[in-house]
Amino acid sequence: QPLAERAWVDEALGELTADPRWPVGEAEASRRLNDFLEQAVLDYGETRDFPAIAGTSVLSPYLAAGIISPRQCVAALQQRLGYRPQSKAQPGFVWLNELIWREFYRHLLVLIPTLSMNRPFKPETAALPWSWDPDAFAAWCEGRTGYPIVDAAMRCLNATGWMHNRLRMIVASFLTKDLHIHWRLGEDYFMSRLIDGDLAANNGGWQWAAGTGADAAPYFRVFNPTTQGQRFDPQGEFIRTWVSELADLPAAYLHQPHDWLRLKGRHDYPAPMVDHAVARVRAIEMFRALEK
């Protein structure tokens, strides 16, 4: 087992080394941590959900590969602030809470080994009639859903191996609650692409979004991809970066571009795969059926 663990670390380090966006090594991890704690951590609670803003620590690849540890992060945070945050009202608490979520998901893997065997945390949800539609899944993977924030997020992932956390929730909700495709497919695809791929965090996040996991989002909570884009990328800076077909659209039409494109006689961006309102109702019906 130690040799297997070492092989995994070597593989992770190799992936980091191959990408200039992710310089490998403890020195780089420490530099990123110190830069984040210098200022961004104080605004983290307000900026972390906006993918066009550099408001996160971007330490997850280094945490996933074991280059830096959560304890080092907590110790550095406490040293920077002079105290350990205990409530949301205190700067640094929201980031500390994210570190705790990572550890929580690791503890769950130890407590419930079936989580690493493609089983849901909530056993009853194994009966959900998930779809395995290969064409719909391919459209999601390739960023061809017709929902700009979803497509931008997936194209960013495919090009860089990275996705902002808010976007991970949006695209996971879309796959499971709008397309009704099994979360296992999304979980596997993320692990095949993410530079910070981590079994515990990835599984925990997907099951949270799908409504099958520990402390999961209530099944009736379905992210609206249009309003999520309007709220967290209001001027479309992130969308314009990754969806070239929409780069010239006025901001007022960017999150629902299809009428504008139709008026211009353009057909270079796909129509929405599904009607979100209809898909949302279907998702809720799937879960309610489990209660009967």
Protein backbone atom coordinates (compact mmCIF):
# COMPACT_ATOMS: atom_id res chain seq x y z
CA GLN A 1 0.00 0.00 0.00
CA PRO A 2 2.73 2.59 0.72
CA LEU A 3 4.14 1.96 -2.79
CA ALA A 4 0.70 2.42 -4.31
CA GLU A 5 0.25 5.67 -2.42
CA ARG A 6 3.65 6.87 -3.59
CA ALA A 7 2.76 6.04 -7.19
CA TRP A 8 -0.41 8.13 -6.89
CA VAL A 9 1.55 11.09 -5.51
CA ASP A 10 4.13 10.81 -8.30
CA GLU A 11 1.36 10.77 -10.89
CA ALA A 12 -0.28 13.83 -9.36
CA LEU A 13 3.02 15.68 -9.23
CA GLY A 14 3.69 14.78 -12.84
CA GLU A 15 0.37 16.27 -13.91
CA LEU A 16 1.08 19.46 -12.00
CA THR A 17 4.58 19.76 -13.44
CA ALA A 18 3.30 19.37 -17.00
CA ASP A 19 0.99 22.41 -16.76
CA PRO A 20 2.60 25.85 -16.42
CA ARG A 21 -0.54 27.11 -14.70
CA TRP A 22 0.28 24.88 -11.74
CA PRO A 23 3.96 25.15 -10.75
CA VAL A 24 4.78 22.14 -8.61
CA GLY A 25 6.32 22.16 -5.16
CA GLU A 26 5.83 23.17 -1.56
CA ALA A 27 7.35 26.60 -2.16
CA GLU A 28 4.67 27.42 -4.73
CA ALA A 29 1.92 26.15 -2.43
CA SER A 30 3.25 28.31 0.42
CA ARG A 31 3.47 31.33 -1.85
CA ARG A 32 -0.14 30.92 -2.95
CA LEU A 33 -1.28 30.45 0.63
CA ASN A 34 0.56 33.58 1.80
CA ASP A 35 -0.71 35.66 -1.12
CA PHE A 36 -4.27 34.57 -0.42
CA LEU A 37 -4.01 35.30 3.29
CA GLU A 38 -2.49 38.71 2.65
CA GLN A 39 -5.80 40.16 1.47
CA ALA A 40 -8.19 37.88 -0.43
CA VAL A 41 -9.16 35.85 2.64
CA LEU A 42 -10.70 38.95 4.21
CA ASP A 43 -13.11 39.31 1.27
CA TYR A 44 -13.49 35.59 0.59
CA GLY A 45 -17.08 35.38 1.83
CA GLU A 46 -18.15 38.07 -0.66
CA THR A 47 -16.00 37.19 -3.68
CA ARG A 48 -15.67 33.39 -3.67
CA ASP A 49 -18.78 32.76 -5.80
CA PHE A 50 -17.78 34.92 -8.77
CA PRO A 51 -15.70 32.96 -11.30
CA ALA A 52 -14.45 36.09 -13.08
CA ILE A 53 -12.85 37.31 -9.82
CA ALA A 54 -9.64 35.87 -8.37
CA GLY A 55 -11.30 35.47 -4.99
CA THR A 56 -10.29 31.94 -3.99
CA SER A 57 -7.05 30.43 -2.72
CA VAL A 58 -6.61 28.04 -5.70
CA LEU A 59 -4.85 25.66 -3.30
CA SER A 60 -6.97 22.59 -3.97
CA PRO A 61 -4.48 20.92 -6.39
CA TYR A 62 -1.78 21.22 -3.74
CA LEU A 63 -4.09 19.93 -1.01
CA ALA A 64 -5.20 17.02 -3.22
CA ALA A 65 -1.59 16.01 -3.96
CA GLY A 66 -0.49 16.40 -0.33
CA ILE A 67 1.93 19.22 -1.14
CA ILE A 68 0.34 21.32 1.59
CA SER A 69 -1.89 20.16 4.43
CA PRO A 70 -5.13 21.51 5.90
CA ARG A 71 -3.36 21.92 9.25
CA GLN A 72 -0.76 24.17 7.62
CA CYS A 73 -3.57 26.24 6.13
CA VAL A 74 -5.40 26.57 9.44
CA ALA A 75 -2.20 27.44 11.30
CA ALA A 76 -1.32 30.11 8.72
CA LEU A 77 -4.85 31.54 8.89
CA GLN A 78 -4.71 31.75 12.67
CA GLN A 79 -1.30 33.41 12.55
CA ARG A 80 -2.52 35.94 9.96
CA LEU A 81 -5.64 36.90 11.92
CA GLY A 82 -4.34 36.45 15.45
CA TYR A 83 -7.27 34.17 16.28
CA ARG A 84 -9.15 31.17 14.92
CA PRO A 85 -12.50 32.29 13.46
CA GLN A 86 -15.53 30.88 15.27
CA SER A 87 -18.48 32.46 13.46
CA LYS A 88 -19.53 33.71 10.03
CA ALA A 89 -19.20 37.27 11.26
CA GLN A 90 -15.44 36.87 11.60
CA PRO A 91 -13.11 37.21 8.59
CA GLY A 92 -11.63 33.91 7.53
CA PHE A 93 -14.44 31.75 8.88
CA VAL A 94 -15.96 30.97 5.48
CA TRP A 95 -12.61 29.74 4.13
CA LEU A 96 -11.96 27.74 7.29
CA ASN A 97 -15.36 26.15 6.83
CA GLU A 98 -14.39 25.05 3.31
CA LEU A 99 -11.29 23.34 4.68
CA ILE A 100 -13.50 21.59 7.23
CA TRP A 101 -15.82 20.36 4.46
CA ARG A 102 -12.83 18.74 2.73
CA GLU A 103 -11.89 16.91 5.93
CA PHE A 104 -15.51 15.97 6.58
CA TYR A 105 -15.73 14.20 3.24
CA ARG A 106 -12.49 12.32 3.95
CA HIS A 107 -13.87 11.14 7.28
CA LEU A 108 -17.01 9.92 5.53
CA LEU A 109 -14.95 7.67 3.26
CA VAL A 110 -13.48 6.00 6.32
CA LEU A 111 -16.82 5.71 8.08
CA ILE A 112 -18.76 4.54 5.01
CA PRO A 113 -16.50 2.59 2.61
CA THR A 114 -19.36 2.03 0.15
CA LEU A 115 -19.01 5.68 -0.88
CA SER A 116 -15.95 4.62 -2.86
CA MET A 117 -17.96 1.81 -4.47
CA ASN A 118 -20.40 3.94 -6.48
CA ARG A 119 -23.05 3.80 -3.76
CA PRO A 120 -25.07 6.78 -2.51
CA PHE A 121 -24.80 8.01 1.07
CA LYS A 122 -28.58 7.79 1.34
CA PRO A 123 -29.30 4.14 0.45
CA GLU A 124 -32.90 4.77 -0.59
CA THR A 125 -31.75 7.06 -3.41
CA ALA A 126 -30.17 4.08 -5.19
CA ALA A 127 -33.70 3.47 -6.52
CA LEU A 128 -33.86 6.80 -8.36
CA PRO A 129 -34.50 6.27 -12.10
CA TRP A 130 -31.45 8.13 -13.36
CA SER A 131 -30.84 8.48 -17.08
CA TRP A 132 -27.70 7.20 -18.82
CA ASP A 133 -28.36 9.04 -22.11
CA PRO A 134 -24.96 9.08 -23.88
CA ASP A 135 -25.84 11.91 -26.28
CA ALA A 136 -27.10 14.22 -23.54
CA PHE A 137 -24.08 13.38 -21.41
CA ALA A 138 -21.70 14.16 -24.30
CA ALA A 139 -23.37 17.54 -24.85
CA TRP A 140 -22.87 18.36 -21.16
CA CYS A 141 -19.23 17.23 -21.24
CA GLU A 142 -18.46 19.31 -24.32
CA GLY A 143 -20.29 22.47 -23.23
CA ARG A 144 -23.12 22.26 -25.77
CA THR A 145 -26.14 22.51 -23.45
CA GLY A 146 -27.43 25.88 -24.65
CA TYR A 147 -27.08 27.34 -21.15
CA PRO A 148 -24.17 29.82 -21.26
CA ILE A 149 -22.86 29.51 -17.69
CA VAL A 150 -22.93 25.69 -17.90
CA ASP A 151 -21.19 25.65 -21.27
CA ALA A 152 -18.55 28.17 -20.18
CA ALA A 153 -17.78 26.13 -17.06
CA MET A 154 -17.42 22.85 -18.95
CA ARG A 155 -15.26 24.37 -21.68
CA CYS A 156 -13.03 25.91 -19.02
CA LEU A 157 -12.68 22.52 -17.34
CA ASN A 158 -11.81 20.79 -20.60
CA ALA A 159 -9.21 23.39 -21.53
CA THR A 160 -7.55 23.95 -18.15
CA GLY A 161 -8.36 21.05 -15.82
CA TRP A 162 -9.83 23.55 -13.41
CA MET A 163 -13.32 24.70 -12.43
CA HIS A 164 -14.43 27.30 -9.92
CA ASN A 165 -16.41 25.82 -7.01
CA ARG A 166 -19.62 27.74 -7.68
CA LEU A 167 -19.51 26.47 -11.26
CA ARG A 168 -19.03 22.90 -10.04
CA MET A 169 -22.32 23.17 -8.16
CA ILE A 170 -24.09 24.70 -11.15
CA VAL A 171 -22.98 22.08 -13.68
CA ALA A 172 -23.56 19.20 -11.23
CA SER A 173 -27.08 20.41 -10.55
CA PHE A 174 -27.69 20.75 -14.28
CA LEU A 175 -26.52 17.21 -15.05
CA THR A 176 -28.52 15.58 -12.26
CA LYS A 177 -31.56 17.81 -11.86
CA ASP A 178 -32.07 19.13 -15.42
CA LEU A 179 -30.82 16.20 -17.49
CA HIS A 180 -31.58 13.63 -14.75
CA ILE A 181 -28.33 11.83 -15.56
CA HIS A 182 -26.69 9.71 -12.86
CA TRP A 183 -24.25 11.63 -10.70
CA ARG A 184 -21.73 8.80 -11.10
CA LEU A 185 -21.12 9.84 -14.70
CA GLY A 186 -20.42 13.41 -13.67
CA GLU A 187 -18.22 12.28 -10.79
CA ASP A 188 -16.14 10.10 -13.12
CA TYR A 189 -15.84 12.82 -15.74
CA PHE A 190 -14.61 15.36 -13.19
CA MET A 191 -11.99 12.93 -11.91
CA SER A 192 -10.78 12.40 -15.48
CA ARG A 193 -10.32 16.13 -16.02
CA LEU A 194 -9.68 17.97 -12.74
CA ILE A 195 -6.12 18.89 -11.78
CA ASP A 196 -7.32 18.82 -8.16
CA GLY A 197 -9.28 15.58 -8.50
CA ASP A 198 -9.82 14.10 -5.04
CA LEU A 199 -12.06 11.10 -4.43
CA ALA A 200 -13.53 12.32 -1.15
CA ALA A 201 -14.18 15.94 -2.12
CA ASN A 202 -15.40 15.04 -5.61
CA ASN A 203 -17.77 12.32 -4.42
CA GLY A 204 -19.04 14.50 -1.60
CA GLY A 205 -19.69 17.43 -3.89
CA TRP A 206 -21.50 15.38 -6.51
CA GLN A 207 -23.70 13.60 -4.00
CA TRP A 208 -24.49 16.93 -2.33
CA ALA A 209 -25.63 18.38 -5.65
CA ALA A 210 -27.56 15.26 -6.63
CA GLY A 211 -29.45 15.13 -3.34
CA THR A 212 -28.10 11.69 -2.44
CA GLY A 213 -25.32 12.63 -0.04
CA ALA A 214 -24.58 13.71 3.51
CA ASP A 215 -26.16 17.04 4.37
CA ALA A 216 -27.21 17.16 0.73
CA ALA A 217 -29.06 20.02 -0.84
CA PRO A 218 -32.79 19.32 -0.39
CA TYR A 219 -34.09 17.44 -3.39
CA PHE A 220 -36.40 20.33 -4.20
CA ARG A 221 -33.44 22.70 -4.46
CA VAL A 222 -32.62 22.81 -8.15
CA PHE A 223 -30.16 25.43 -9.38
CA ASN A 224 -31.59 27.59 -12.15
CA PRO A 225 -28.67 27.85 -14.59
CA THR A 226 -29.91 31.13 -16.05
CA THR A 227 -30.35 32.98 -12.77
CA GLN A 228 -27.11 31.50 -11.44
CA GLY A 229 -25.30 33.02 -14.40
CA GLN A 230 -27.04 36.35 -13.97
CA ARG A 231 -26.18 36.45 -10.29
CA PHE A 232 -22.57 35.27 -10.34
CA ASP A 233 -21.39 36.45 -13.78
CA PRO A 234 -23.64 39.49 -14.25
CA GLN A 235 -21.60 41.16 -17.00
CA GLY A 236 -20.73 37.84 -18.60
CA GLU A 237 -16.97 38.24 -18.23
CA PHE A 238 -16.49 34.55 -17.56
CA ILE A 239 -18.95 33.44 -20.22
CA ARG A 240 -17.38 35.65 -22.90
CA THR A 241 -13.97 34.16 -22.11
CA TRP A 242 -15.05 30.57 -22.75
CA VAL A 243 -18.04 30.73 -25.10
CA SER A 244 -16.67 32.51 -28.14
CA GLU A 245 -20.02 32.38 -29.95
CA LEU A 246 -21.44 34.78 -27.37
CA ALA A 247 -18.48 37.11 -26.95
CA ASP A 248 -20.11 39.96 -28.89
CA LEU A 249 -23.56 39.80 -27.29
CA PRO A 250 -24.88 42.72 -25.23
CA ALA A 251 -24.86 41.90 -21.51
CA ALA A 252 -28.64 42.19 -21.37
CA TYR A 253 -29.02 39.17 -23.67
CA LEU A 254 -25.99 37.12 -22.68
CA HIS A 255 -27.64 34.76 -20.20
CA GLN A 256 -30.65 34.11 -22.46
CA PRO A 257 -29.11 34.66 -25.88
CA HIS A 258 -31.37 32.63 -28.15
CA ASP A 259 -33.94 35.29 -29.10
CA TRP A 260 -31.19 37.77 -29.88
CA LEU A 261 -29.29 35.23 -31.96
CA ARG A 262 -32.45 34.28 -33.82
CA LEU A 263 -33.16 37.91 -34.71
CA LYS A 264 -29.63 38.20 -36.08
CA GLY A 265 -30.07 35.04 -38.11
CA ARG A 266 -27.29 33.29 -36.24
CA HIS A 267 -27.21 29.58 -35.51
CA ASP A 268 -23.72 29.19 -34.09
CA TYR A 269 -24.81 28.48 -30.50
CA PRO A 270 -27.00 25.48 -29.56
CA ALA A 271 -30.58 25.83 -28.39
CA PRO A 272 -31.26 24.85 -24.76
CA MET A 273 -31.25 21.07 -24.34
CA VAL A 274 -34.16 21.17 -21.93
CA ASP A 275 -36.76 23.54 -20.55
CA HIS A 276 -35.45 24.16 -17.05
CA ALA A 277 -38.90 24.69 -15.52
CA VAL A 278 -40.14 21.36 -16.88
CA ALA A 279 -36.93 19.51 -15.95
CA ARG A 280 -37.09 20.89 -12.41
CA VAL A 281 -40.58 19.49 -11.89
CA ARG A 282 -39.47 16.09 -13.19
CA ALA A 283 -36.50 16.05 -10.79
CA ILE A 284 -38.73 16.83 -7.83
CA GLU A 285 -41.18 14.12 -8.87
CA MET A 286 -38.32 11.57 -8.99
CA PHE A 287 -37.45 12.23 -5.36
CA ARG A 288 -41.00 12.49 -4.11
CA ALA A 289 -41.71 9.06 -5.53
CA LEU A 290 -39.13 7.64 -3.09
CA GLU A 291 -41.27 8.80 -0.18
CA LYS A 292 -44.27 6.78 -1.27
